[in-house]
């Protein structure tokens, strides 16, 4: 798991914008996962807070690309 504060200011802004403006609830939740991880929250804490399964949180925290918000749109098939 990345250390607290791993996102650049630009990445944080893009994720916060996605949370505020996206019409897709999955994108909002996945962006929130990355933002919470950046704040130092663990997968378990994020899972409990958002009501997502631990495996889903772990997947999106690893595979969600804060440089490419379209990566948050990809459907999760395995979990």
PDB file of N, CA and C in Angstrom:
ATOM      1  N   UNK A   1       0.853  -1.172   0.000  1.00  0.00           N
ATOM      2  CA  UNK A   1       0.000   0.000   0.000  1.00  0.00           C
ATOM      3  C   UNK A   1       0.900   1.237   0.000  1.00  0.00           C
ATOM      4  N   UNK A   2       0.614   2.193  -0.858  1.00  0.00           N
ATOM      5  CA  UNK A   2       1.437   3.404  -0.900  1.00  0.00           C
ATOM      6  C   UNK A   2       1.383   4.179   0.408  1.00  0.00           C
ATOM      7  N   UNK A   3       2.400   4.947   0.634  1.00  0.00           N
ATOM      8  CA  UNK A   3       2.479   5.764   1.844  1.00  0.00           C
ATOM      9  C   UNK A   3       1.508   6.932   1.760  1.00  0.00           C
ATOM     10  N   UNK A   4       1.194   7.457   2.918  1.00  0.00           N
ATOM     11  CA  UNK A   4       0.330   8.637   2.996  1.00  0.00           C
ATOM     12  C   UNK A   4       0.927   9.755   2.143  1.00  0.00           C
ATOM     13  N   UNK A   5       0.082  10.436   1.391  1.00  0.00           N
ATOM     14  CA  UNK A   5       0.518  11.564   0.581  1.00  0.00           C
ATOM     15  C   UNK A   5       1.187  11.177  -0.723  1.00  0.00           C
ATOM     16  N   UNK A   6       0.806  10.036  -1.289  1.00  0.00           N
ATOM     17  CA  UNK A   6       1.433   9.577  -2.532  1.00  0.00           C
ATOM     18  C   UNK A   6       0.914  10.298  -3.771  1.00  0.00           C
ATOM     19  N   UNK A   7      -0.231  10.937  -3.673  1.00  0.00           N
ATOM     20  CA  UNK A   7      -0.798  11.648  -4.821  1.00  0.00           C
ATOM     21  C   UNK A   7      -0.186  13.039  -4.946  1.00  0.00           C
ATOM     22  N   UNK A   8       0.001  13.472  -6.181  1.00  0.00           N
ATOM     23  CA  UNK A   8       0.439  14.845  -6.417  1.00  0.00           C
ATOM     24  C   UNK A   8      -0.766  15.765  -6.230  1.00  0.00           C
ATOM     25  N   UNK A   9      -0.508  17.048  -6.135  1.00  0.00           N
ATOM     26  CA  UNK A   9      -1.600  18.018  -5.982  1.00  0.00           C
ATOM     27  C   UNK A   9      -2.545  17.946  -7.177  1.00  0.00           C
ATOM     28  N   UNK A  10      -2.010  17.779  -8.374  1.00  0.00           N
ATOM     29  CA  UNK A  10      -2.842  17.679  -9.566  1.00  0.00           C
ATOM     30  C   UNK A  10      -3.709  16.434  -9.569  1.00  0.00           C
ATOM     31  N   UNK A  11      -3.143  15.325  -9.121  1.00  0.00           N
ATOM     32  CA  UNK A  11      -3.917  14.086  -9.046  1.00  0.00           C
ATOM     33  C   UNK A  11      -5.043  14.230  -8.032  1.00  0.00           C
ATOM     34  N   UNK A  12      -4.740  14.843  -6.900  1.00  0.00           N
ATOM     35  CA  UNK A  12      -5.765  15.067  -5.884  1.00  0.00           C
ATOM     36  C   UNK A  12      -6.892  15.931  -6.432  1.00  0.00           C
ATOM     37  N   UNK A  13      -6.542  16.985  -7.128  1.00  0.00           N
ATOM     38  CA  UNK A  13      -7.556  17.877  -7.712  1.00  0.00           C
ATOM     39  C   UNK A  13      -8.439  17.126  -8.696  1.00  0.00           C
ATOM     40  N   UNK A  14      -7.831  16.317  -9.563  1.00  0.00           N
ATOM     41  CA  UNK A  14      -8.600  15.556 -10.555  1.00  0.00           C
ATOM     42  C   UNK A  14      -9.546  14.568  -9.881  1.00  0.00           C
ATOM     43  N   UNK A  15      -9.067  13.890  -8.844  1.00  0.00           N
ATOM     44  CA  UNK A  15      -9.918  12.931  -8.137  1.00  0.00           C
ATOM     45  C   UNK A  15     -11.047  13.646  -7.398  1.00  0.00           C
ATOM     46  N   UNK A  16     -10.743  14.780  -6.770  1.00  0.00           N
ATOM     47  CA  UNK A  16     -11.784  15.544  -6.074  1.00  0.00           C
ATOM     48  C   UNK A  16     -12.824  16.067  -7.064  1.00  0.00           C
ATOM     49  N   UNK A  17     -12.370  16.476  -8.230  1.00  0.00           N
ATOM     50  CA  UNK A  17     -13.286  16.936  -9.272  1.00  0.00           C
ATOM     51  C   UNK A  17     -14.183  15.790  -9.731  1.00  0.00           C
ATOM     52  N   UNK A  18     -13.604  14.592  -9.883  1.00  0.00           N
ATOM     53  CA  UNK A  18     -14.389  13.415 -10.283  1.00  0.00           C
ATOM     54  C   UNK A  18     -15.444  13.101  -9.228  1.00  0.00           C
ATOM     55  N   UNK A  19     -15.097  13.226  -7.960  1.00  0.00           N
ATOM     56  CA  UNK A  19     -16.054  12.964  -6.879  1.00  0.00           C
ATOM     57  C   UNK A  19     -17.207  13.951  -6.945  1.00  0.00           C
ATOM     58  N   UNK A  20     -16.907  15.204  -7.217  1.00  0.00           N
ATOM     59  CA  UNK A  20     -17.938  16.245  -7.234  1.00  0.00           C
ATOM     60  C   UNK A  20     -18.783  16.237  -8.499  1.00  0.00           C
ATOM     61  N   UNK A  21     -18.166  15.898  -9.651  1.00  0.00           N
ATOM     62  CA  UNK A  21     -18.849  16.111 -10.926  1.00  0.00           C
ATOM     63  C   UNK A  21     -19.269  14.851 -11.666  1.00  0.00           C
ATOM     64  N   UNK A  22     -18.738  13.704 -11.293  1.00  0.00           N
ATOM     65  CA  UNK A  22     -19.067  12.493 -12.030  1.00  0.00           C
ATOM     66  C   UNK A  22     -20.512  12.076 -11.777  1.00  0.00           C
ATOM     67  N   UNK A  23     -21.124  11.554 -12.812  1.00  0.00           N
ATOM     68  CA  UNK A  23     -22.485  11.030 -12.689  1.00  0.00           C
ATOM     69  C   UNK A  23     -22.469   9.517 -12.462  1.00  0.00           C
ATOM     70  N   UNK A  24     -21.294   8.923 -12.500  1.00  0.00           N
ATOM     71  CA  UNK A  24     -21.147   7.480 -12.327  1.00  0.00           C
ATOM     72  C   UNK A  24     -20.752   7.194 -10.876  1.00  0.00           C
ATOM     73  N   UNK A  25     -21.624   6.509 -10.142  1.00  0.00           N
ATOM     74  CA  UNK A  25     -21.361   6.245  -8.728  1.00  0.00           C
ATOM     75  C   UNK A  25     -20.110   5.400  -8.523  1.00  0.00           C
ATOM     76  N   UNK A  26     -19.795   4.524  -9.484  1.00  0.00           N
ATOM     77  CA  UNK A  26     -18.589   3.695  -9.361  1.00  0.00           C
ATOM     78  C   UNK A  26     -17.331   4.550  -9.431  1.00  0.00           C
ATOM     79  N   UNK A  27     -17.311   5.513 -10.320  1.00  0.00           N
ATOM     80  CA  UNK A  27     -16.160   6.412 -10.445  1.00  0.00           C
ATOM     81  C   UNK A  27     -15.999   7.219  -9.161  1.00  0.00           C
ATOM     82  N   UNK A  28     -17.098   7.705  -8.627  1.00  0.00           N
ATOM     83  CA  UNK A  28     -17.054   8.484  -7.386  1.00  0.00           C
ATOM     84  C   UNK A  28     -16.463   7.651  -6.255  1.00  0.00           C
ATOM     85  N   UNK A  29     -16.955   6.429  -6.090  1.00  0.00           N
ATOM     86  CA  UNK A  29     -16.481   5.580  -4.999  1.00  0.00           C
ATOM     87  C   UNK A  29     -15.024   5.187  -5.190  1.00  0.00           C
ATOM     88  N   UNK A  30     -14.628   4.902  -6.415  1.00  0.00           N
ATOM     89  CA  UNK A  30     -13.239   4.505  -6.678  1.00  0.00           C
ATOM     90  C   UNK A  30     -12.285   5.674  -6.499  1.00  0.00           C
ATOM     91  N   UNK A  31     -12.718   6.863  -6.886  1.00  0.00           N
ATOM     92  CA  UNK A  31     -11.894   8.053  -6.653  1.00  0.00           C
ATOM     93  C   UNK A  31     -11.759   8.311  -5.150  1.00  0.00           C
ATOM     94  N   UNK A  32     -12.857   8.119  -4.414  1.00  0.00           N
ATOM     95  CA  UNK A  32     -12.812   8.275  -2.959  1.00  0.00           C
ATOM     96  C   UNK A  32     -11.839   7.288  -2.329  1.00  0.00           C
ATOM     97  N   UNK A  33     -11.799   6.068  -2.849  1.00  0.00           N
ATOM     98  CA  UNK A  33     -10.864   5.073  -2.323  1.00  0.00           C
ATOM     99  C   UNK A  33      -9.431   5.577  -2.417  1.00  0.00           C
ATOM    100  N   UNK A  34      -9.086   6.121  -3.574  1.00  0.00           N
ATOM    101  CA  UNK A  34      -7.724   6.622  -3.769  1.00  0.00           C
ATOM    102  C   UNK A  34      -7.440   7.824  -2.870  1.00  0.00           C
ATOM    103  N   UNK A  35      -8.423   8.705  -2.725  1.00  0.00           N
ATOM    104  CA  UNK A  35      -8.243   9.866  -1.857  1.00  0.00           C
ATOM    105  C   UNK A  35      -8.099   9.456  -0.393  1.00  0.00           C
ATOM    106  N   UNK A  36      -8.888   8.489   0.031  1.00  0.00           N
ATOM    107  CA  UNK A  36      -8.791   8.015   1.414  1.00  0.00           C
ATOM    108  C   UNK A  36      -7.452   7.315   1.659  1.00  0.00           C
ATOM    109  N   UNK A  37      -7.000   6.548   0.682  1.00  0.00           N
ATOM    110  CA  UNK A  37      -5.708   5.892   0.808  1.00  0.00           C
ATOM    111  C   UNK A  37      -4.605   6.946   0.902  1.00  0.00           C
ATOM    112  N   UNK A  38      -4.739   8.011   0.129  1.00  0.00           N
ATOM    113  CA  UNK A  38      -3.770   9.104   0.175  1.00  0.00           C
ATOM    114  C   UNK A  38      -3.746   9.768   1.557  1.00  0.00           C
ATOM    115  N   UNK A  39      -4.867   9.733   2.253  1.00  0.00           N
ATOM    116  CA  UNK A  39      -4.949  10.290   3.606  1.00  0.00           C
ATOM    117  C   UNK A  39      -4.410   9.338   4.666  1.00  0.00           C
ATOM    118  N   UNK A  40      -3.940   8.163   4.238  1.00  0.00           N
ATOM    119  CA  UNK A  40      -3.339   7.218   5.170  1.00  0.00           C
ATOM    120  C   UNK A  40      -4.272   6.147   5.689  1.00  0.00           C
ATOM    121  N   UNK A  41      -5.485   6.066   5.135  1.00  0.00           N
ATOM    122  CA  UNK A  41      -6.423   5.027   5.564  1.00  0.00           C
ATOM    123  C   UNK A  41      -5.997   3.673   5.010  1.00  0.00           C
ATOM    124  N   UNK A  42      -6.268   2.618   5.767  1.00  0.00           N
ATOM    125  CA  UNK A  42      -5.959   1.262   5.333  1.00  0.00           C
ATOM    126  C   UNK A  42      -7.098   0.735   4.456  1.00  0.00           C
ATOM    127  N   UNK A  43      -6.826  -0.359   3.757  1.00  0.00           N
ATOM    128  CA  UNK A  43      -7.880  -0.982   2.946  1.00  0.00           C
ATOM    129  C   UNK A  43      -9.079  -1.322   3.827  1.00  0.00           C
ATOM    130  N   UNK A  44      -8.832  -1.824   5.028  1.00  0.00           N
ATOM    131  CA  UNK A  44      -9.910  -2.205   5.939  1.00  0.00           C
ATOM    132  C   UNK A  44     -10.730  -0.980   6.334  1.00  0.00           C
ATOM    133  N   UNK A  45     -10.067   0.112   6.649  1.00  0.00           N
ATOM    134  CA  UNK A  45     -10.783   1.336   7.030  1.00  0.00           C
ATOM    135  C   UNK A  45     -11.607   1.867   5.866  1.00  0.00           C
ATOM    136  N   UNK A  46     -11.044   1.825   4.668  1.00  0.00           N
ATOM    137  CA  UNK A  46     -11.771   2.288   3.477  1.00  0.00           C
ATOM    138  C   UNK A  46     -12.957   1.377   3.215  1.00  0.00           C
ATOM    139  N   UNK A  47     -12.735   0.079   3.336  1.00  0.00           N
ATOM    140  CA  UNK A  47     -13.798  -0.905   3.121  1.00  0.00           C
ATOM    141  C   UNK A  47     -14.960  -0.666   4.089  1.00  0.00           C
ATOM    142  N   UNK A  48     -14.642  -0.481   5.350  1.00  0.00           N
ATOM    143  CA  UNK A  48     -15.680  -0.238   6.363  1.00  0.00           C
ATOM    144  C   UNK A  48     -16.414   1.076   6.104  1.00  0.00           C
ATOM    145  N   UNK A  49     -15.674   2.111   5.738  1.00  0.00           N
ATOM    146  CA  UNK A  49     -16.259   3.441   5.529  1.00  0.00           C
ATOM    147  C   UNK A  49     -17.186   3.472   4.317  1.00  0.00           C
ATOM    148  N   UNK A  50     -16.749   2.867   3.201  1.00  0.00           N
ATOM    149  CA  UNK A  50     -17.539   2.929   1.964  1.00  0.00           C
ATOM    150  C   UNK A  50     -18.512   1.756   1.796  1.00  0.00           C
ATOM    151  N   UNK A  51     -18.346   0.726   2.610  1.00  0.00           N
ATOM    152  CA  UNK A  51     -19.229  -0.428   2.493  1.00  0.00           C
ATOM    153  C   UNK A  51     -18.884  -1.338   1.319  1.00  0.00           C
ATOM    154  N   UNK A  52     -17.656  -1.257   0.867  1.00  0.00           N
ATOM    155  CA  UNK A  52     -17.166  -2.124  -0.215  1.00  0.00           C
ATOM    156  C   UNK A  52     -16.430  -3.294   0.401  1.00  0.00           C
ATOM    157  N   UNK A  53     -16.341  -4.396  -0.316  1.00  0.00           N
ATOM    158  CA  UNK A  53     -15.555  -5.524   0.143  1.00  0.00           C
ATOM    159  C   UNK A  53     -14.079  -5.183   0.156  1.00  0.00           C
ATOM    160  N   UNK A  54     -13.360  -5.825   1.072  1.00  0.00           N
ATOM    161  CA  UNK A  54     -11.928  -5.583   1.203  1.00  0.00           C
ATOM    162  C   UNK A  54     -11.198  -5.840  -0.105  1.00  0.00           C
ATOM    163  N   UNK A  55     -11.535  -6.927  -0.797  1.00  0.00           N
ATOM    164  CA  UNK A  55     -10.858  -7.273  -2.052  1.00  0.00           C
ATOM    165  C   UNK A  55     -11.109  -6.221  -3.130  1.00  0.00           C
ATOM    166  N   UNK A  56     -12.309  -5.686  -3.180  1.00  0.00           N
ATOM    167  CA  UNK A  56     -12.613  -4.640  -4.162  1.00  0.00           C
ATOM    168  C   UNK A  56     -11.798  -3.384  -3.884  1.00  0.00           C
ATOM    169  N   UNK A  57     -11.709  -3.003  -2.628  1.00  0.00           N
ATOM    170  CA  UNK A  57     -10.922  -1.823  -2.254  1.00  0.00           C
ATOM    171  C   UNK A  57      -9.460  -2.043  -2.614  1.00  0.00           C
ATOM    172  N   UNK A  58      -8.932  -3.212  -2.268  1.00  0.00           N
ATOM    173  CA  UNK A  58      -7.536  -3.512  -2.575  1.00  0.00           C
ATOM    174  C   UNK A  58      -7.296  -3.461  -4.082  1.00  0.00           C
ATOM    175  N   UNK A  59      -8.219  -4.010  -4.851  1.00  0.00           N
ATOM    176  CA  UNK A  59      -8.076  -4.018  -6.312  1.00  0.00           C
ATOM    177  C   UNK A  59      -8.014  -2.591  -6.851  1.00  0.00           C
ATOM    178  N   UNK A  60      -8.981  -1.764  -6.470  1.00  0.00           N
ATOM    179  CA  UNK A  60      -9.052  -0.418  -7.037  1.00  0.00           C
ATOM    180  C   UNK A  60      -7.944   0.492  -6.531  1.00  0.00           C
ATOM    181  N   UNK A  61      -7.479   0.275  -5.311  1.00  0.00           N
ATOM    182  CA  UNK A  61      -6.365   1.073  -4.807  1.00  0.00           C
ATOM    183  C   UNK A  61      -5.071   0.744  -5.540  1.00  0.00           C
ATOM    184  N   UNK A  62      -4.972  -0.461  -6.063  1.00  0.00           N
ATOM    185  CA  UNK A  62      -3.778  -0.858  -6.823  1.00  0.00           C
ATOM    186  C   UNK A  62      -3.939  -0.542  -8.303  1.00  0.00           C
ATOM    187  N   UNK A  63      -5.121  -0.800  -8.852  1.00  0.00           N
ATOM    188  CA  UNK A  63      -5.320  -0.686 -10.297  1.00  0.00           C
ATOM    189  C   UNK A  63      -5.921   0.645 -10.754  1.00  0.00           C
ATOM    190  N   UNK A  64      -6.492   1.416  -9.846  1.00  0.00           N
ATOM    191  CA  UNK A  64      -7.021   2.724 -10.216  1.00  0.00           C
ATOM    192  C   UNK A  64      -5.863   3.676 -10.471  1.00  0.00           C
ATOM    193  N   UNK A  65      -5.841   4.274 -11.633  1.00  0.00           N
ATOM    194  CA  UNK A  65      -4.735   5.148 -12.015  1.00  0.00           C
ATOM    195  C   UNK A  65      -5.165   6.603 -11.831  1.00  0.00           C
ATOM    196  N   UNK A  66      -4.598   7.308 -10.854  1.00  0.00           N
ATOM    197  CA  UNK A  66      -5.005   8.703 -10.634  1.00  0.00           C
ATOM    198  C   UNK A  66      -4.619   9.623 -11.791  1.00  0.00           C
ATOM    199  N   UNK A  67      -3.746   9.167 -12.676  1.00  0.00           N
ATOM    200  CA  UNK A  67      -3.380   9.953 -13.861  1.00  0.00           C
ATOM    201  C   UNK A  67      -4.385   9.762 -14.994  1.00  0.00           C
ATOM    202  N   UNK A  68      -5.153   8.678 -14.927  1.00  0.00           N
ATOM    203  CA  UNK A  68      -6.101   8.335 -15.993  1.00  0.00           C
ATOM    204  C   UNK A  68      -7.427   7.951 -15.344  1.00  0.00           C
ATOM    205  N   UNK A  69      -8.322   8.915 -15.193  1.00  0.00           N
ATOM    206  CA  UNK A  69      -9.586   8.646 -14.508  1.00  0.00           C
ATOM    207  C   UNK A  69     -10.458   7.647 -15.250  1.00  0.00           C
ATOM    208  N   UNK A  70     -10.202   7.455 -16.538  1.00  0.00           N
ATOM    209  CA  UNK A  70     -10.953   6.441 -17.290  1.00  0.00           C
ATOM    210  C   UNK A  70     -10.675   5.039 -16.743  1.00  0.00           C
ATOM    211  N   UNK A  71      -9.533   4.860 -16.078  1.00  0.00           N
ATOM    212  CA  UNK A  71      -9.229   3.554 -15.484  1.00  0.00           C
ATOM    213  C   UNK A  71     -10.231   3.207 -14.389  1.00  0.00           C
ATOM    214  N   UNK A  72     -10.912   4.200 -13.849  1.00  0.00           N
ATOM    215  CA  UNK A  72     -11.903   3.950 -12.795  1.00  0.00           C
ATOM    216  C   UNK A  72     -13.247   3.512 -13.371  1.00  0.00           C
ATOM    217  N   UNK A  73     -13.392   3.578 -14.685  1.00  0.00           N
ATOM    218  CA  UNK A  73     -14.638   3.174 -15.328  1.00  0.00           C
ATOM    219  C   UNK A  73     -14.695   1.691 -15.664  1.00  0.00           C
ATOM    220  N   UNK A  74     -13.547   1.058 -15.701  1.00  0.00           N
ATOM    221  CA  UNK A  74     -13.468  -0.334 -16.120  1.00  0.00           C
ATOM    222  C   UNK A  74     -14.274  -1.198 -15.173  1.00  0.00           C
ATOM    223  N   UNK A  75     -15.108  -2.054 -15.738  1.00  0.00           N
ATOM    224  CA  UNK A  75     -15.947  -2.940 -14.925  1.00  0.00           C
ATOM    225  C   UNK A  75     -15.075  -3.977 -14.238  1.00  0.00           C
ATOM    226  N   UNK A  76     -15.389  -4.233 -12.995  1.00  0.00           N
ATOM    227  CA  UNK A  76     -14.669  -5.228 -12.222  1.00  0.00           C
ATOM    228  C   UNK A  76     -15.355  -6.566 -12.394  1.00  0.00           C
ATOM    229  N   UNK A  77     -14.687  -7.503 -13.028  1.00  0.00           N
ATOM    230  CA  UNK A  77     -15.280  -8.792 -13.338  1.00  0.00           C
ATOM    231  C   UNK A  77     -14.923  -9.850 -12.308  1.00  0.00           C
ATOM    232  N   UNK A  78     -13.715  -9.836 -11.802  1.00  0.00           N
ATOM    233  CA  UNK A  78     -13.227 -10.894 -10.936  1.00  0.00           C
ATOM    234  C   UNK A  78     -13.729 -10.811  -9.515  1.00  0.00           C
ATOM    235  N   UNK A  79     -14.088  -9.622  -9.065  1.00  0.00           N
ATOM    236  CA  UNK A  79     -14.443  -9.477  -7.652  1.00  0.00           C
ATOM    237  C   UNK A  79     -15.901  -9.098  -7.523  1.00  0.00           C
TER     238      UNK A  79
END
